[in-house]
Amino acid sequence: MSQSGKQKLPNSPEASRSASAPGVFFPVAVGVPSEDLKLSDAQYENLEIAGGVKLSEHLRARLLTLAIFWIDDLRLRRTARPKQFRDRLDKMIEALSQAEGACRLNDNVGSLERHLLHWAMEAPVPGAATFPANVGALELQIQTVLQTAVALRQCLPRDPGRQRPFEDERRIIFLADIFEEAGGKAVAYASEHAKTGSMADTSFRRFAHQFYSLLPAEDKRDPGGLDDALRDALATRRAHRRSSP
């Protein structure tokens, strides 16, 4: 397991950027691969062919770093949601409530539980003399943990069930920067010769799709979703450049 990120409250503005989907709970604990990500020479060469560019050792290293960060983003997107935390806390609350009840041996005069308690105190068993005190202490501990679990459940934000956004715009912009440093021109636009909504088969589009396919992560964008993300990210990149002095 590894921990990542600084502490953020689940219902803080930073952790709830989208009103339609809950943010990531920080700090997070996620499983990490046993081996570091590596891209082979053949994979770099295929990227060069797809984009019609030349990747220096420096640019290859930057691509690998980008891939690692992008994969981390995708892992964060799949981390536990409020509903999963709520379901787990519900199981804990139910189990603790039952355990708390099981510890109540001295509540009713003449009850089976009180009879058991007094018999246990005299039984020839190690620890029997302190059994009542230990059971009472355990009940108090359970009550404390139970109260905290209930409060944690109440602290959880709503979960409408919608997917978290990918939030990969900055990664795509960084990919475009690398692509242009390698000699390409990062453009993505709708094709005039294909059906409405389809993207032109530009060299950057081919490069980006090839690179994205190398990311060993689940729940990635589908090709059409990646096309939309490329178009939007490049539009943001152009707007930022126009506004910069």
Protein backbone atom coordinates (compact mmCIF):
# COMPACT_ATOMS: atom_id res chain seq x y z
CA MET A 1 0.00 0.00 0.00
CA SER A 2 1.07 3.57 -0.56
CA GLN A 3 -0.32 6.84 0.69
CA SER A 4 -0.62 9.88 -1.52
CA GLY A 5 -1.73 13.47 -1.14
CA LYS A 6 -2.32 15.89 1.67
CA GLN A 7 -5.27 15.86 4.04
CA LYS A 8 -8.48 17.25 2.56
CA LEU A 9 -11.96 17.08 4.02
CA PRO A 10 -14.32 15.05 1.83
CA ASN A 11 -16.84 17.89 1.70
CA SER A 12 -14.34 20.71 1.17
CA PRO A 13 -14.52 22.77 -2.05
CA GLU A 14 -11.21 21.32 -3.22
CA ALA A 15 -12.43 17.76 -2.82
CA SER A 16 -15.85 18.45 -4.35
CA ARG A 17 -15.09 20.23 -7.61
CA SER A 18 -18.00 18.59 -9.35
CA ALA A 19 -21.49 18.80 -7.91
CA SER A 20 -22.39 15.66 -9.83
CA ALA A 21 -19.62 13.36 -8.58
CA PRO A 22 -17.76 13.09 -5.26
CA GLY A 23 -14.10 14.00 -5.07
CA VAL A 24 -11.28 11.72 -4.02
CA PHE A 25 -10.81 11.08 -0.30
CA PHE A 26 -7.35 12.24 0.78
CA PRO A 27 -5.00 10.91 1.94
CA VAL A 28 -5.50 7.81 -0.19
CA ALA A 29 -4.16 4.27 0.15
CA VAL A 30 -3.88 2.46 -3.18
CA GLY A 31 -2.15 -0.65 -4.38
CA VAL A 32 0.87 -0.04 -6.58
CA PRO A 33 2.39 -2.37 -9.21
CA SER A 34 5.28 -4.55 -8.11
CA GLU A 35 7.37 -3.25 -11.01
CA ASP A 36 7.99 0.28 -12.26
CA LEU A 37 6.50 1.26 -15.59
CA LYS A 38 8.91 0.99 -18.51
CA LEU A 39 8.47 1.80 -22.19
CA SER A 40 10.53 -0.20 -24.65
CA ASP A 41 12.50 1.17 -27.58
CA ALA A 42 9.94 -0.43 -29.89
CA GLN A 43 7.11 1.41 -28.15
CA TYR A 44 8.92 4.73 -28.47
CA GLU A 45 9.59 4.00 -32.14
CA ASN A 46 5.92 3.24 -32.73
CA LEU A 47 5.06 6.59 -31.15
CA GLU A 48 7.52 8.30 -33.48
CA ILE A 49 5.96 6.60 -36.48
CA ALA A 50 2.42 7.43 -35.38
CA GLY A 51 3.23 11.11 -34.89
CA GLY A 52 5.90 11.59 -37.50
CA VAL A 53 8.28 12.96 -34.86
CA LYS A 54 11.68 12.17 -33.34
CA LEU A 55 11.88 11.56 -29.62
CA SER A 56 15.24 12.35 -28.03
CA GLU A 57 16.34 10.57 -24.85
CA HIS A 58 15.26 13.64 -22.90
CA LEU A 59 11.76 13.62 -24.46
CA ARG A 60 11.47 9.88 -23.93
CA ALA A 61 12.19 10.40 -20.25
CA ARG A 62 9.56 13.14 -20.08
CA LEU A 63 7.01 10.87 -21.77
CA LEU A 64 7.71 8.14 -19.24
CA THR A 65 7.26 10.58 -16.36
CA LEU A 66 4.01 11.80 -17.90
CA ALA A 67 2.78 8.21 -18.23
CA ILE A 68 3.49 7.54 -14.54
CA PHE A 69 1.60 10.63 -13.41
CA TRP A 70 -1.29 9.90 -15.78
CA ILE A 71 -1.59 6.35 -14.46
CA ASP A 72 -1.65 7.70 -10.91
CA ASP A 73 -4.52 10.01 -11.90
CA LEU A 74 -6.48 7.07 -13.28
CA ARG A 75 -5.85 5.05 -10.12
CA LEU A 76 -7.12 7.91 -7.97
CA ARG A 77 -10.27 8.09 -10.07
CA ARG A 78 -11.05 4.47 -9.14
CA THR A 79 -10.51 4.86 -5.40
CA ALA A 80 -13.33 4.36 -2.92
CA ARG A 81 -16.41 6.54 -3.16
CA PRO A 82 -18.68 7.73 -0.31
CA LYS A 83 -21.15 4.90 -0.93
CA GLN A 84 -18.41 2.30 -0.47
CA PHE A 85 -17.23 3.97 2.75
CA ARG A 86 -20.83 4.18 3.94
CA ASP A 87 -21.50 0.50 3.24
CA ARG A 88 -18.32 -0.52 5.07
CA LEU A 89 -19.14 1.67 8.06
CA ASP A 90 -22.67 0.24 8.15
CA LYS A 91 -21.21 -3.26 8.48
CA MET A 92 -18.91 -2.06 11.23
CA ILE A 93 -21.71 -0.29 13.09
CA GLU A 94 -23.91 -3.39 12.91
CA ALA A 95 -21.13 -5.66 14.18
CA LEU A 96 -20.12 -3.27 16.97
CA SER A 97 -23.73 -2.87 18.08
CA GLN A 98 -24.06 -6.64 18.38
CA ALA A 99 -20.75 -6.88 20.24
CA GLU A 100 -21.80 -4.12 22.62
CA GLY A 101 -24.99 -6.03 23.40
CA ALA A 102 -23.03 -9.22 23.94
CA CYS A 103 -20.94 -7.48 26.60
CA ARG A 104 -23.94 -6.49 28.73
CA LEU A 105 -23.91 -9.22 31.36
CA ASN A 106 -24.85 -7.25 34.46
CA ASP A 107 -27.92 -5.28 33.43
CA ASN A 108 -30.83 -7.33 34.78
CA VAL A 109 -31.11 -8.96 38.21
CA GLY A 110 -31.88 -12.66 37.91
CA SER A 111 -31.03 -12.80 34.23
CA LEU A 112 -29.09 -15.54 32.51
CA GLU A 113 -26.35 -13.03 31.74
CA ARG A 114 -25.89 -12.03 35.38
CA HIS A 115 -25.88 -15.66 36.45
CA LEU A 116 -23.17 -16.34 33.83
CA LEU A 117 -21.15 -13.38 35.08
CA HIS A 118 -21.15 -14.51 38.71
CA TRP A 119 -20.39 -18.10 37.80
CA ALA A 120 -17.48 -16.97 35.61
CA MET A 121 -15.94 -14.99 38.47
CA GLU A 122 -15.59 -18.19 40.53
CA ALA A 123 -14.64 -20.53 37.70
CA PRO A 124 -11.18 -22.19 37.86
CA VAL A 125 -10.03 -20.46 34.69
CA PRO A 126 -7.09 -18.05 34.30
CA GLY A 127 -8.42 -14.49 34.13
CA ALA A 128 -11.83 -15.41 35.52
CA ALA A 129 -11.49 -13.09 38.51
CA THR A 130 -11.06 -10.06 36.27
CA PHE A 131 -13.58 -11.22 33.65
CA PRO A 132 -16.36 -8.80 34.73
CA ALA A 133 -14.00 -5.81 34.73
CA ASN A 134 -12.55 -6.77 31.36
CA VAL A 135 -15.99 -7.20 29.83
CA GLY A 136 -17.05 -3.83 31.20
CA ALA A 137 -13.93 -2.14 29.83
CA LEU A 138 -14.50 -3.79 26.45
CA GLU A 139 -18.07 -2.52 26.37
CA LEU A 140 -16.85 1.04 27.00
CA GLN A 141 -14.25 0.72 24.24
CA ILE A 142 -16.87 -0.58 21.83
CA GLN A 143 -19.18 2.32 22.69
CA THR A 144 -16.40 4.82 21.94
CA VAL A 145 -15.55 3.23 18.61
CA LEU A 146 -19.24 2.88 17.74
CA GLN A 147 -19.90 6.56 18.39
CA THR A 148 -16.94 7.49 16.18
CA ALA A 149 -18.09 5.19 13.39
CA VAL A 150 -21.57 6.75 13.45
CA ALA A 151 -20.06 10.25 13.35
CA LEU A 152 -17.80 9.27 10.43
CA ARG A 153 -20.80 7.97 8.51
CA GLN A 154 -22.65 11.22 9.07
CA CYS A 155 -19.59 13.13 7.84
CA LEU A 156 -19.63 11.45 4.43
CA PRO A 157 -20.82 13.57 1.49
CA ARG A 158 -23.65 12.53 -0.78
CA ASP A 159 -22.87 10.16 -3.63
CA PRO A 160 -25.25 10.59 -6.58
CA GLY A 161 -23.51 7.71 -8.33
CA ARG A 162 -22.17 9.59 -11.34
CA GLN A 163 -18.69 8.92 -12.65
CA ARG A 164 -15.83 11.07 -11.51
CA PRO A 165 -14.38 13.35 -14.20
CA PHE A 166 -11.06 12.29 -15.70
CA GLU A 167 -9.48 15.72 -15.13
CA ASP A 168 -6.67 14.92 -17.58
CA GLU A 169 -6.53 18.26 -19.39
CA ARG A 170 -3.14 19.22 -17.98
CA ARG A 171 -1.73 15.81 -18.94
CA ILE A 172 -2.89 16.24 -22.54
CA ILE A 173 -1.42 19.74 -22.67
CA PHE A 174 1.89 18.39 -21.40
CA LEU A 175 1.73 15.65 -24.05
CA ALA A 176 1.15 18.32 -26.71
CA ASP A 177 4.20 20.25 -25.47
CA ILE A 178 6.38 17.16 -25.76
CA PHE A 179 4.97 16.39 -29.20
CA GLU A 180 5.83 19.85 -30.50
CA GLU A 181 9.30 19.74 -28.98
CA ALA A 182 9.76 16.51 -30.96
CA GLY A 183 8.99 18.37 -34.19
CA GLY A 184 5.24 17.91 -34.54
CA LYS A 185 2.29 20.29 -34.50
CA ALA A 186 -0.37 19.52 -31.91
CA VAL A 187 -3.77 19.98 -33.55
CA ALA A 188 -7.09 18.17 -33.23
CA TYR A 189 -10.26 19.14 -35.03
CA ALA A 190 -13.43 17.70 -36.53
CA SER A 191 -13.04 16.18 -39.96
CA GLU A 192 -14.89 17.79 -42.87
CA HIS A 193 -14.81 14.55 -44.85
CA ALA A 194 -16.26 12.17 -42.31
CA LYS A 195 -19.50 11.90 -40.44
CA THR A 196 -20.45 14.68 -38.08
CA GLY A 197 -18.59 14.63 -34.79
CA SER A 198 -15.63 12.55 -35.94
CA MET A 199 -12.09 13.84 -35.55
CA ALA A 200 -9.59 14.39 -38.33
CA ASP A 201 -6.76 11.85 -38.29
CA THR A 202 -3.99 14.30 -37.44
CA SER A 203 -0.50 13.20 -36.49
CA PHE A 204 -1.01 14.42 -32.93
CA ARG A 205 -4.26 12.48 -32.61
CA ARG A 206 -2.49 9.30 -33.74
CA PHE A 207 0.40 10.01 -31.36
CA ALA A 208 -1.94 10.70 -28.43
CA HIS A 209 -4.04 7.59 -29.02
CA GLN A 210 -0.93 5.45 -29.33
CA PHE A 211 0.51 6.88 -26.11
CA TYR A 212 -2.80 6.50 -24.23
CA SER A 213 -3.00 2.84 -25.26
CA LEU A 214 0.32 2.24 -23.48
CA LEU A 215 -1.02 3.29 -20.09
CA PRO A 216 -1.61 0.09 -18.07
CA ALA A 217 -4.69 1.31 -16.25
CA GLU A 218 -8.34 0.32 -16.06
CA ASP A 219 -11.35 2.50 -16.77
CA LYS A 220 -9.69 4.74 -19.31
CA ARG A 221 -11.45 6.97 -21.82
CA ASP A 222 -12.90 5.32 -24.90
CA PRO A 223 -11.50 6.54 -28.26
CA GLY A 224 -14.32 9.01 -28.79
CA GLY A 225 -13.96 10.38 -25.28
CA LEU A 226 -10.24 10.81 -25.79
CA ASP A 227 -10.89 12.69 -29.03
CA ASP A 228 -13.17 15.11 -27.19
CA ALA A 229 -10.60 15.55 -24.44
CA LEU A 230 -7.83 16.25 -26.97
CA ARG A 231 -9.92 18.89 -28.71
CA ASP A 232 -10.91 20.62 -25.46
CA ALA A 233 -7.41 20.52 -23.97
CA LEU A 234 -5.82 21.99 -27.09
CA ALA A 235 -8.45 24.74 -27.13
CA THR A 236 -7.54 25.57 -23.52
CA ARG A 237 -3.86 25.52 -24.47
CA ARG A 238 -4.42 27.96 -27.34
CA ALA A 239 -6.50 30.28 -25.17
CA HIS A 240 -3.83 30.30 -22.48
CA ARG A 241 -1.13 31.10 -25.02
CA ARG A 242 -3.15 33.96 -26.48
CA SER A 243 -3.69 35.46 -23.05
CA SER A 244 -0.04 35.13 -22.04
CA PRO A 245 2.19 38.20 -22.58
